[in-house]
């Protein structure tokens, strides 16, 4: 038995040497703050006082809300955005005819309606370009944006007296947006 046990140990081969070096897995890639194929949905509410021209200032107020839909294409530098806003413009004194300036710089609109309340809406669509700076400087999560779009302003009235205004405009803007 002694000879057999020695023979087994002799012909068994080299002893197994365990390595004390532990190989760490590679670190995960850094998170992307500006991703392709990204879809964002936003909702908001608003309240404004002093809506209208200077003769109505302080007598008109508006409340409402809206939705924002944004999609970034597979090429993460370009995307589209659609926004819709609805508001109710109301006078404190219930006057029947009034002049309302919804967007500064556009001509005021005369609105006639009963009850002192008029529905208004703003629809916009934008094509957007962005240049994420973290592609060039890791850790800098900022991007300048360029917007070009179109939109329309819609007004309604009461008692079947529908009034609408539609103005098309182009907005271009360069801004820096920080993503967290």
N, C-alpha and C. Protein backbone atom coordinates (compact mmCIF):
# COMPACT_ATOMS: atom_id res chain seq x y z
N UNK A 1 0.82 -1.17 0.00
CA UNK A 1 0.00 0.00 0.00
C UNK A 1 0.88 1.25 0.00
N UNK A 2 1.97 1.21 0.68
CA UNK A 2 2.87 2.35 0.74
C UNK A 2 3.46 2.62 -0.62
N UNK A 3 3.88 1.55 -1.32
CA UNK A 3 4.47 1.72 -2.65
C UNK A 3 3.44 2.26 -3.65
N UNK A 4 2.23 1.79 -3.57
CA UNK A 4 1.19 2.25 -4.49
C UNK A 4 0.89 3.73 -4.25
N UNK A 5 0.80 4.17 -3.01
CA UNK A 5 0.51 5.57 -2.73
C UNK A 5 1.64 6.48 -3.21
N UNK A 6 2.88 6.02 -3.11
CA UNK A 6 4.01 6.81 -3.61
C UNK A 6 4.01 6.86 -5.13
N UNK A 7 3.61 5.76 -5.77
CA UNK A 7 3.57 5.70 -7.23
C UNK A 7 2.49 6.64 -7.76
N UNK A 8 1.36 6.67 -7.08
CA UNK A 8 0.28 7.56 -7.52
C UNK A 8 0.74 9.01 -7.41
N UNK A 9 1.41 9.39 -6.35
CA UNK A 9 1.89 10.75 -6.16
C UNK A 9 2.97 11.09 -7.18
N UNK A 10 3.81 10.12 -7.57
CA UNK A 10 4.89 10.37 -8.52
C UNK A 10 4.37 10.58 -9.92
N UNK A 11 3.37 9.78 -10.35
CA UNK A 11 2.87 9.88 -11.72
C UNK A 11 1.65 10.82 -11.86
N UNK A 12 1.27 11.51 -10.82
CA UNK A 12 0.08 12.36 -10.87
C UNK A 12 0.31 13.64 -11.66
N UNK A 13 1.50 14.11 -11.82
CA UNK A 13 1.77 15.33 -12.58
C UNK A 13 2.18 16.46 -11.67
N UNK A 14 2.30 17.63 -12.26
CA UNK A 14 2.73 18.82 -11.53
C UNK A 14 1.64 19.27 -10.57
N UNK A 15 2.03 19.80 -9.44
CA UNK A 15 1.02 20.31 -8.51
C UNK A 15 0.37 21.57 -9.10
N UNK A 16 -0.88 21.76 -8.79
CA UNK A 16 -1.63 22.92 -9.27
C UNK A 16 -1.25 24.12 -8.42
N UNK A 17 -0.82 25.20 -9.09
CA UNK A 17 -0.44 26.42 -8.40
C UNK A 17 -1.58 27.43 -8.61
N UNK A 18 -2.13 27.89 -7.52
CA UNK A 18 -3.21 28.86 -7.66
C UNK A 18 -2.61 30.26 -7.75
N UNK A 19 -3.19 31.06 -8.62
CA UNK A 19 -2.71 32.42 -8.83
C UNK A 19 -3.35 33.33 -7.80
N UNK A 20 -2.57 34.17 -7.20
CA UNK A 20 -3.10 35.12 -6.23
C UNK A 20 -3.49 36.43 -6.91
N UNK A 21 -3.21 36.53 -8.19
CA UNK A 21 -3.56 37.73 -8.92
C UNK A 21 -5.01 37.63 -9.38
N UNK A 22 -5.84 38.57 -8.95
CA UNK A 22 -7.25 38.60 -9.32
C UNK A 22 -7.40 39.59 -10.48
N UNK A 23 -8.00 39.13 -11.54
CA UNK A 23 -8.20 39.99 -12.70
C UNK A 23 -9.56 40.68 -12.54
N UNK A 24 -9.51 42.01 -12.47
CA UNK A 24 -10.74 42.80 -12.28
C UNK A 24 -11.45 42.95 -13.62
N UNK A 25 -12.77 42.93 -13.59
CA UNK A 25 -13.51 43.15 -14.85
C UNK A 25 -13.29 44.60 -15.31
N UNK A 26 -13.43 44.84 -16.60
CA UNK A 26 -13.23 46.22 -17.09
C UNK A 26 -14.32 47.14 -16.54
N UNK A 27 -13.99 48.40 -16.33
CA UNK A 27 -15.00 49.32 -15.79
C UNK A 27 -16.13 49.53 -16.79
N UNK A 28 -17.32 49.78 -16.29
CA UNK A 28 -18.45 50.02 -17.22
C UNK A 28 -18.22 51.33 -17.97
N UNK A 29 -18.79 51.45 -19.16
CA UNK A 29 -18.64 52.70 -19.89
C UNK A 29 -19.34 53.84 -19.15
N UNK A 30 -18.86 55.06 -19.32
CA UNK A 30 -19.50 56.18 -18.62
C UNK A 30 -20.93 56.37 -19.12
N UNK A 31 -21.82 56.88 -18.26
CA UNK A 31 -23.21 57.07 -18.69
C UNK A 31 -23.30 58.14 -19.78
N UNK A 32 -24.23 57.95 -20.70
CA UNK A 32 -24.45 58.94 -21.75
C UNK A 32 -25.57 59.88 -21.31
N UNK A 33 -25.30 61.16 -21.38
CA UNK A 33 -26.31 62.14 -21.00
C UNK A 33 -27.11 62.60 -22.21
N UNK A 34 -26.60 62.39 -23.41
CA UNK A 34 -27.27 62.77 -24.65
C UNK A 34 -27.38 61.51 -25.50
N UNK A 35 -28.48 60.79 -25.37
CA UNK A 35 -28.63 59.48 -26.01
C UNK A 35 -29.41 59.57 -27.32
N UNK A 36 -29.08 58.69 -28.27
CA UNK A 36 -29.89 58.60 -29.49
C UNK A 36 -31.19 57.83 -29.18
N UNK A 37 -32.17 57.96 -30.06
CA UNK A 37 -33.48 57.28 -29.92
C UNK A 37 -34.14 57.58 -28.58
N UNK A 38 -33.97 58.78 -28.08
CA UNK A 38 -34.55 59.17 -26.80
C UNK A 38 -35.90 59.84 -27.05
N UNK A 39 -36.92 59.47 -26.28
CA UNK A 39 -38.25 60.05 -26.40
C UNK A 39 -38.63 60.63 -25.04
N UNK A 40 -38.95 61.92 -25.02
CA UNK A 40 -39.30 62.61 -23.78
C UNK A 40 -40.73 63.12 -23.88
N UNK A 41 -41.44 63.02 -22.76
CA UNK A 41 -42.80 63.55 -22.66
C UNK A 41 -42.81 64.49 -21.46
N UNK A 42 -43.33 65.68 -21.65
CA UNK A 42 -43.42 66.63 -20.56
C UNK A 42 -44.81 67.24 -20.50
N UNK A 43 -45.24 67.57 -19.30
CA UNK A 43 -46.53 68.24 -19.09
C UNK A 43 -46.30 69.43 -18.19
N UNK A 44 -47.06 70.49 -18.40
CA UNK A 44 -46.87 71.68 -17.59
C UNK A 44 -48.19 72.41 -17.42
N UNK A 45 -48.24 73.24 -16.41
CA UNK A 45 -49.37 74.10 -16.15
C UNK A 45 -48.88 75.54 -16.09
N UNK A 46 -49.78 76.50 -16.33
CA UNK A 46 -49.36 77.89 -16.34
C UNK A 46 -50.46 78.80 -15.83
N UNK A 47 -50.07 79.90 -15.26
CA UNK A 47 -50.99 80.96 -14.86
C UNK A 47 -50.30 82.28 -15.15
N UNK A 48 -50.97 83.19 -15.82
CA UNK A 48 -50.38 84.48 -16.18
C UNK A 48 -51.35 85.59 -15.85
N UNK A 49 -50.82 86.68 -15.28
CA UNK A 49 -51.62 87.88 -15.04
C UNK A 49 -51.11 88.98 -15.96
N UNK A 50 -51.93 89.97 -16.21
CA UNK A 50 -51.51 91.08 -17.06
C UNK A 50 -51.43 90.70 -18.52
N UNK A 51 -52.14 89.65 -18.95
CA UNK A 51 -52.15 89.24 -20.34
C UNK A 51 -52.88 90.31 -21.14
N UNK A 52 -52.36 90.72 -22.25
CA UNK A 52 -53.04 91.70 -23.10
C UNK A 52 -52.25 92.98 -23.21
N UNK A 53 -52.83 93.98 -23.86
CA UNK A 53 -52.14 95.25 -24.06
C UNK A 53 -52.22 96.10 -22.79
N UNK A 54 -51.64 97.30 -22.84
CA UNK A 54 -51.52 98.11 -21.62
C UNK A 54 -52.88 98.58 -21.09
N UNK A 55 -53.89 98.75 -21.97
CA UNK A 55 -55.20 99.19 -21.46
C UNK A 55 -55.90 98.09 -20.68
N UNK A 56 -55.57 96.82 -20.96
CA UNK A 56 -56.18 95.71 -20.24
C UNK A 56 -55.27 95.15 -19.15
N UNK A 57 -54.08 95.69 -19.03
CA UNK A 57 -53.12 95.14 -18.09
C UNK A 57 -53.69 95.11 -16.67
N UNK A 58 -53.58 94.01 -16.04
CA UNK A 58 -54.08 93.83 -14.69
C UNK A 58 -55.51 93.35 -14.64
N UNK A 59 -56.27 93.49 -15.73
CA UNK A 59 -57.65 93.03 -15.74
C UNK A 59 -57.79 91.66 -16.38
N UNK A 60 -56.82 91.26 -17.20
CA UNK A 60 -56.88 89.95 -17.85
C UNK A 60 -55.94 88.98 -17.15
N UNK A 61 -56.38 87.76 -17.03
CA UNK A 61 -55.49 86.72 -16.55
C UNK A 61 -55.79 85.44 -17.33
N UNK A 62 -54.84 84.52 -17.36
CA UNK A 62 -55.00 83.28 -18.12
C UNK A 62 -54.44 82.12 -17.31
N UNK A 63 -55.08 80.99 -17.47
CA UNK A 63 -54.57 79.76 -16.86
C UNK A 63 -54.74 78.64 -17.88
N UNK A 64 -53.92 77.61 -17.74
CA UNK A 64 -54.01 76.49 -18.68
C UNK A 64 -52.87 75.51 -18.47
N UNK A 65 -52.59 74.74 -19.49
CA UNK A 65 -51.53 73.75 -19.41
C UNK A 65 -51.19 73.25 -20.79
N UNK A 66 -50.23 72.35 -20.85
CA UNK A 66 -49.83 71.85 -22.15
C UNK A 66 -49.00 70.59 -22.05
N UNK A 67 -48.55 70.14 -23.22
CA UNK A 67 -47.76 68.92 -23.33
C UNK A 67 -46.62 69.16 -24.30
N UNK A 68 -45.51 68.50 -24.04
CA UNK A 68 -44.30 68.62 -24.85
C UNK A 68 -43.85 67.21 -25.23
N UNK A 69 -43.66 66.95 -26.51
CA UNK A 69 -43.18 65.65 -27.00
C UNK A 69 -41.89 65.88 -27.77
N UNK A 70 -40.81 65.23 -27.37
CA UNK A 70 -39.51 65.39 -28.01
C UNK A 70 -38.95 64.02 -28.37
N UNK A 71 -38.40 63.91 -29.59
CA UNK A 71 -37.76 62.66 -30.02
C UNK A 71 -36.42 63.00 -30.64
N UNK A 72 -35.36 62.34 -30.16
CA UNK A 72 -34.02 62.47 -30.73
C UNK A 72 -33.79 61.29 -31.64
N UNK A 73 -33.41 61.56 -32.87
CA UNK A 73 -33.20 60.54 -33.89
C UNK A 73 -32.05 59.61 -33.50
N UNK A 74 -31.87 58.48 -34.24
CA UNK A 74 -30.72 57.59 -33.97
C UNK A 74 -29.38 58.33 -34.04
N UNK A 75 -29.31 59.38 -34.84
CA UNK A 75 -28.15 60.25 -34.83
C UNK A 75 -28.41 61.25 -33.72
N UNK A 76 -27.76 61.13 -32.58
CA UNK A 76 -28.12 61.86 -31.36
C UNK A 76 -27.99 63.37 -31.45
N UNK A 77 -27.53 63.89 -32.57
CA UNK A 77 -27.34 65.33 -32.72
C UNK A 77 -28.57 66.04 -33.28
N UNK A 78 -29.62 65.32 -33.68
CA UNK A 78 -30.79 65.95 -34.28
C UNK A 78 -32.07 65.35 -33.69
N UNK A 79 -33.12 66.19 -33.62
CA UNK A 79 -34.39 65.72 -33.10
C UNK A 79 -35.52 66.66 -33.47
N UNK A 80 -36.73 66.27 -33.09
CA UNK A 80 -37.92 67.08 -33.33
C UNK A 80 -38.69 67.24 -32.01
N UNK A 81 -39.41 68.36 -31.92
CA UNK A 81 -40.22 68.62 -30.72
C UNK A 81 -41.55 69.21 -31.15
N UNK A 82 -42.63 68.75 -30.51
CA UNK A 82 -43.97 69.29 -30.73
C UNK A 82 -44.52 69.70 -29.37
N UNK A 83 -45.08 70.91 -29.32
CA UNK A 83 -45.66 71.42 -28.09
C UNK A 83 -47.07 71.94 -28.36
N UNK A 84 -47.95 71.69 -27.43
CA UNK A 84 -49.31 72.21 -27.51
C UNK A 84 -49.70 72.80 -26.17
N UNK A 85 -50.28 73.99 -26.20
CA UNK A 85 -50.67 74.68 -24.98
C UNK A 85 -52.12 75.13 -25.12
N UNK A 86 -52.89 74.96 -24.08
CA UNK A 86 -54.26 75.46 -24.04
C UNK A 86 -54.40 76.38 -22.84
N UNK A 87 -55.11 77.49 -23.02
CA UNK A 87 -55.30 78.44 -21.92
C UNK A 87 -56.69 79.04 -22.01
N UNK A 88 -57.18 79.50 -20.88
CA UNK A 88 -58.44 80.22 -20.79
C UNK A 88 -58.12 81.65 -20.35
N UNK A 89 -58.40 82.61 -21.23
CA UNK A 89 -58.15 84.01 -20.92
C UNK A 89 -59.45 84.58 -20.37
N UNK A 90 -59.37 85.19 -19.19
CA UNK A 90 -60.58 85.66 -18.51
C UNK A 90 -60.35 87.08 -18.02
N UNK A 91 -61.37 87.92 -18.14
CA UNK A 91 -61.28 89.27 -17.62
C UNK A 91 -61.91 89.32 -16.24
N UNK A 92 -61.38 90.20 -15.41
CA UNK A 92 -61.93 90.36 -14.06
C UNK A 92 -63.27 91.08 -14.07
N UNK A 93 -63.51 91.91 -15.11
CA UNK A 93 -64.76 92.68 -15.12
C UNK A 93 -65.79 92.11 -16.08
N UNK A 94 -65.51 90.99 -16.75
CA UNK A 94 -66.48 90.33 -17.62
C UNK A 94 -66.83 91.11 -18.87
N UNK A 95 -65.96 92.02 -19.35
CA UNK A 95 -66.29 92.79 -20.55
C UNK A 95 -66.44 91.87 -21.75
N UNK A 96 -67.26 92.28 -22.69
CA UNK A 96 -67.60 91.45 -23.84
C UNK A 96 -66.58 91.55 -24.97
N UNK A 97 -66.00 92.71 -25.23
CA UNK A 97 -65.04 92.89 -26.31
C UNK A 97 -63.73 93.36 -25.72
N UNK A 98 -62.66 92.74 -26.16
CA UNK A 98 -61.34 93.12 -25.63
C UNK A 98 -60.27 92.83 -26.67
N UNK A 99 -59.14 93.47 -26.48
CA UNK A 99 -58.00 93.29 -27.35
C UNK A 99 -56.95 92.51 -26.57
N UNK A 100 -56.44 91.42 -27.15
CA UNK A 100 -55.52 90.53 -26.45
C UNK A 100 -54.25 90.38 -27.27
N UNK A 101 -53.09 90.55 -26.63
CA UNK A 101 -51.80 90.29 -27.25
C UNK A 101 -51.24 89.04 -26.59
N UNK A 102 -51.26 87.92 -27.30
CA UNK A 102 -50.79 86.67 -26.72
C UNK A 102 -49.28 86.55 -26.73
N UNK A 103 -48.65 86.99 -27.82
CA UNK A 103 -47.20 86.90 -27.94
C UNK A 103 -46.67 88.30 -28.19
N UNK A 104 -45.73 88.73 -27.35
CA UNK A 104 -45.15 90.06 -27.49
C UNK A 104 -44.53 90.22 -28.88
N UNK A 105 -44.81 91.31 -29.54
CA UNK A 105 -44.27 91.54 -30.87
C UNK A 105 -45.26 91.23 -31.99
N UNK A 106 -46.35 90.53 -31.68
CA UNK A 106 -47.38 90.23 -32.67
C UNK A 106 -48.54 91.20 -32.48
N UNK A 107 -49.29 91.42 -33.52
CA UNK A 107 -50.41 92.35 -33.47
C UNK A 107 -51.46 91.85 -32.48
N UNK A 108 -52.08 92.77 -31.72
CA UNK A 108 -53.14 92.34 -30.81
C UNK A 108 -54.38 91.90 -31.59
N UNK A 109 -55.18 91.06 -30.97
CA UNK A 109 -56.37 90.50 -31.59
C UNK A 109 -57.58 90.96 -30.79
N UNK A 110 -58.62 91.43 -31.46
CA UNK A 110 -59.87 91.82 -30.79
C UNK A 110 -60.75 90.58 -30.68
N UNK A 111 -61.18 90.31 -29.47
CA UNK A 111 -61.98 89.11 -29.20
C UNK A 111 -63.31 89.54 -28.63
N UNK A 112 -64.39 89.01 -29.18
CA UNK A 112 -65.72 89.27 -28.67
C UNK A 112 -66.32 87.95 -28.21
N UNK A 113 -66.80 87.90 -26.99
CA UNK A 113 -67.39 86.67 -26.49
C UNK A 113 -68.11 86.93 -25.20
N UNK A 114 -69.06 86.09 -24.88
CA UNK A 114 -69.81 86.25 -23.65
C UNK A 114 -69.12 85.58 -22.48
N UNK A 115 -69.48 85.97 -21.31
CA UNK A 115 -68.97 85.35 -20.11
C UNK A 115 -67.59 85.79 -19.70
N UNK A 116 -66.95 86.63 -20.49
CA UNK A 116 -65.63 87.12 -20.12
C UNK A 116 -64.53 86.10 -20.21
N UNK A 117 -64.70 84.99 -20.92
CA UNK A 117 -63.67 83.96 -21.01
C UNK A 117 -63.49 83.56 -22.47
N UNK A 118 -62.26 83.42 -22.89
CA UNK A 118 -61.93 83.03 -24.26
C UNK A 118 -60.89 81.93 -24.21
N UNK A 119 -61.09 80.89 -25.01
CA UNK A 119 -60.10 79.81 -25.10
C UNK A 119 -59.00 80.22 -26.08
N UNK A 120 -57.78 79.85 -25.77
CA UNK A 120 -56.64 80.14 -26.63
C UNK A 120 -55.74 78.91 -26.67
N UNK A 121 -55.04 78.77 -27.77
CA UNK A 121 -54.11 77.66 -27.90
C UNK A 121 -52.89 78.07 -28.70
N UNK A 122 -51.77 77.45 -28.39
CA UNK A 122 -50.53 77.67 -29.12
C UNK A 122 -49.98 76.31 -29.50
N UNK A 123 -49.74 76.09 -30.78
CA UNK A 123 -49.15 74.86 -31.27
C UNK A 123 -47.81 75.19 -31.93
N UNK A 124 -46.76 74.45 -31.59
CA UNK A 124 -45.45 74.68 -32.19
C UNK A 124 -44.80 73.36 -32.56
N UNK A 125 -43.96 73.42 -33.56
CA UNK A 125 -43.14 72.29 -33.97
C UNK A 125 -41.74 72.79 -34.24
N UNK A 126 -40.74 72.09 -33.76
CA UNK A 126 -39.34 72.52 -33.89
C UNK A 126 -38.48 71.39 -34.41
N UNK A 127 -37.50 71.74 -35.23
CA UNK A 127 -36.40 70.85 -35.58
C UNK A 127 -35.23 71.32 -34.73
N UNK A 128 -34.54 70.40 -34.06
CA UNK A 128 -33.49 70.79 -33.13
C UNK A 128 -32.17 70.10 -33.48
N UNK A 129 -31.10 70.85 -33.30
CA UNK A 129 -29.75 70.31 -33.41
C UNK A 129 -29.03 70.59 -32.10
N UNK A 130 -28.16 69.66 -31.69
CA UNK A 130 -27.38 69.87 -30.48
C UNK A 130 -25.98 69.31 -30.69
N UNK A 131 -25.03 69.83 -29.93
CA UNK A 131 -23.66 69.35 -29.98
C UNK A 131 -23.22 69.04 -28.56
N UNK A 132 -23.35 67.77 -28.12
CA UNK A 132 -22.95 67.42 -26.75
C UNK A 132 -21.45 67.64 -26.54
N UNK A 133 -21.11 68.47 -25.59
CA UNK A 133 -19.70 68.78 -25.33
C UNK A 133 -18.98 67.63 -24.63
N UNK A 134 -19.72 66.71 -23.99
CA UNK A 134 -19.04 65.59 -23.34
C UNK A 134 -18.46 64.60 -24.34
N UNK A 135 -18.78 64.73 -25.65
CA UNK A 135 -18.10 63.93 -26.67
C UNK A 135 -16.64 64.36 -26.80
N UNK A 136 -16.38 65.64 -26.49
CA UNK A 136 -15.04 66.19 -26.63
C UNK A 136 -14.33 66.36 -25.30
N UNK A 137 -15.08 66.69 -24.26
CA UNK A 137 -14.55 66.87 -22.91
C UNK A 137 -15.34 66.00 -21.95
N UNK A 138 -14.86 64.80 -21.65
CA UNK A 138 -15.60 63.93 -20.71
C UNK A 138 -15.82 64.65 -19.38
N UNK A 139 -16.99 64.51 -18.86
CA UNK A 139 -17.34 65.15 -17.59
C UNK A 139 -18.01 66.50 -17.76
N UNK A 140 -18.04 67.05 -18.98
CA UNK A 140 -18.73 68.31 -19.24
C UNK A 140 -20.05 67.96 -19.92
N UNK A 141 -21.12 67.98 -19.17
CA UNK A 141 -22.43 67.53 -19.66
C UNK A 141 -23.29 68.72 -20.09
N UNK A 142 -22.78 69.48 -21.04
CA UNK A 142 -23.49 70.62 -21.60
C UNK A 142 -23.57 70.47 -23.11
N UNK A 143 -24.54 71.14 -23.73
CA UNK A 143 -24.66 71.09 -25.18
C UNK A 143 -25.31 72.38 -25.66
N UNK A 144 -24.72 73.04 -26.66
CA UNK A 144 -25.44 74.14 -27.31
C UNK A 144 -26.52 73.58 -28.21
N UNK A 145 -27.67 74.23 -28.25
CA UNK A 145 -28.83 73.80 -29.04
C UNK A 145 -29.17 74.84 -30.09
N UNK A 146 -29.69 74.40 -31.23
CA UNK A 146 -30.20 75.26 -32.28
C UNK A 146 -31.62 74.81 -32.57
N UNK A 147 -32.56 75.76 -32.55
CA UNK A 147 -33.97 75.46 -32.79
C UNK A 147 -34.43 76.21 -34.04
N UNK A 148 -35.19 75.56 -34.88
CA UNK A 148 -35.87 76.20 -36.00
C UNK A 148 -37.26 75.58 -36.07
N UNK A 149 -38.30 76.40 -36.14
CA UNK A 149 -39.63 75.81 -36.11
C UNK A 149 -40.70 76.72 -36.64
N UNK A 150 -41.91 76.29 -36.41
CA UNK A 150 -43.10 77.00 -36.85
C UNK A 150 -44.14 76.85 -35.77
N UNK A 151 -45.17 77.68 -35.83
CA UNK A 151 -46.21 77.57 -34.82
C UNK A 151 -47.43 78.36 -35.20
N UNK A 152 -48.46 78.21 -34.42
CA UNK A 152 -49.71 78.93 -34.67
C UNK A 152 -50.40 79.27 -33.37
N UNK A 153 -51.12 80.37 -33.39
CA UNK A 153 -51.90 80.82 -32.24
C UNK A 153 -53.37 80.72 -32.63
N UNK A 154 -54.17 80.08 -31.80
CA UNK A 154 -55.60 79.88 -32.10
C UNK A 154 -56.42 80.49 -30.97
N UNK A 155 -57.45 81.24 -31.32
CA UNK A 155 -58.36 81.81 -30.33
C UNK A 155 -59.77 81.35 -30.64
N UNK A 156 -60.57 81.16 -29.61
CA UNK A 156 -61.96 80.78 -29.78
C UNK A 156 -62.85 81.72 -29.02
N UNK A 157 -64.16 81.64 -29.23
CA UNK A 157 -65.11 82.50 -28.55
C UNK A 157 -66.27 81.69 -28.00
N UNK A 158 -67.22 82.37 -27.38
CA UNK A 158 -68.39 81.73 -26.80
C UNK A 158 -69.59 81.84 -27.73
N UNK A 159 -70.63 81.10 -27.44
CA UNK A 159 -71.94 81.18 -28.10
C UNK A 159 -71.85 81.07 -29.62
N UNK A 160 -71.02 80.22 -30.10
CA UNK A 160 -70.91 80.02 -31.54
C UNK A 160 -70.12 81.09 -32.24
N UNK A 161 -69.67 82.12 -31.55
CA UNK A 161 -68.84 83.17 -32.16
C UNK A 161 -67.38 82.72 -32.10
N UNK A 162 -66.95 81.98 -33.09
CA UNK A 162 -65.59 81.47 -33.08
C UNK A 162 -64.67 82.47 -33.76
N UNK A 163 -63.61 82.83 -33.09
CA UNK A 163 -62.61 83.73 -33.62
C UNK A 163 -61.29 82.99 -33.58
N UNK A 164 -60.56 83.04 -34.65
CA UNK A 164 -59.25 82.39 -34.63
C UNK A 164 -58.24 83.24 -35.34
N UNK A 165 -57.02 83.14 -34.87
CA UNK A 165 -55.90 83.83 -35.48
C UNK A 165 -54.83 82.80 -35.68
N UNK A 166 -54.22 82.80 -36.83
CA UNK A 166 -53.13 81.87 -37.10
C UNK A 166 -51.97 82.66 -37.67
N UNK A 167 -50.89 82.69 -36.97
CA UNK A 167 -49.70 83.37 -37.44
C UNK A 167 -48.57 82.36 -37.44
N UNK A 168 -47.82 82.32 -38.51
CA UNK A 168 -46.68 81.41 -38.62
C UNK A 168 -45.41 82.21 -38.39
N UNK A 169 -44.52 81.67 -37.59
CA UNK A 169 -43.28 82.37 -37.31
C UNK A 169 -42.16 81.35 -37.16
N UNK A 170 -40.95 81.81 -37.35
CA UNK A 170 -39.77 80.97 -37.21
C UNK A 170 -38.96 81.49 -36.04
N UNK A 171 -38.59 80.60 -35.15
CA UNK A 171 -37.80 80.97 -33.99
C UNK A 171 -36.47 80.28 -34.10
N UNK A 172 -35.40 81.04 -34.03
CA UNK A 172 -34.06 80.44 -34.00
C UNK A 172 -33.40 80.91 -32.71
N UNK A 173 -32.71 80.02 -32.09
CA UNK A 173 -32.13 80.32 -30.79
C UNK A 173 -30.94 79.43 -30.57
N UNK A 174 -29.93 79.95 -29.95
CA UNK A 174 -28.77 79.16 -29.56
C UNK A 174 -28.70 79.25 -28.05
N UNK A 175 -28.79 78.14 -27.38
CA UNK A 175 -28.80 78.14 -25.92
C UNK A 175 -27.99 76.97 -25.42
N UNK A 176 -27.57 77.04 -24.18
CA UNK A 176 -26.84 75.95 -23.54
C UNK A 176 -27.77 75.34 -22.51
N UNK A 177 -27.90 74.02 -22.54
CA UNK A 177 -28.79 73.31 -21.63
C UNK A 177 -27.95 72.31 -20.86
N UNK A 178 -28.08 72.31 -19.58
CA UNK A 178 -27.34 71.36 -18.76
C UNK A 178 -28.22 70.17 -18.47
N UNK A 179 -27.71 68.98 -18.74
CA UNK A 179 -28.44 67.74 -18.46
C UNK A 179 -27.84 67.14 -17.19
N UNK A 180 -28.67 66.69 -16.31
CA UNK A 180 -28.17 66.05 -15.08
C UNK A 180 -28.65 64.64 -15.02
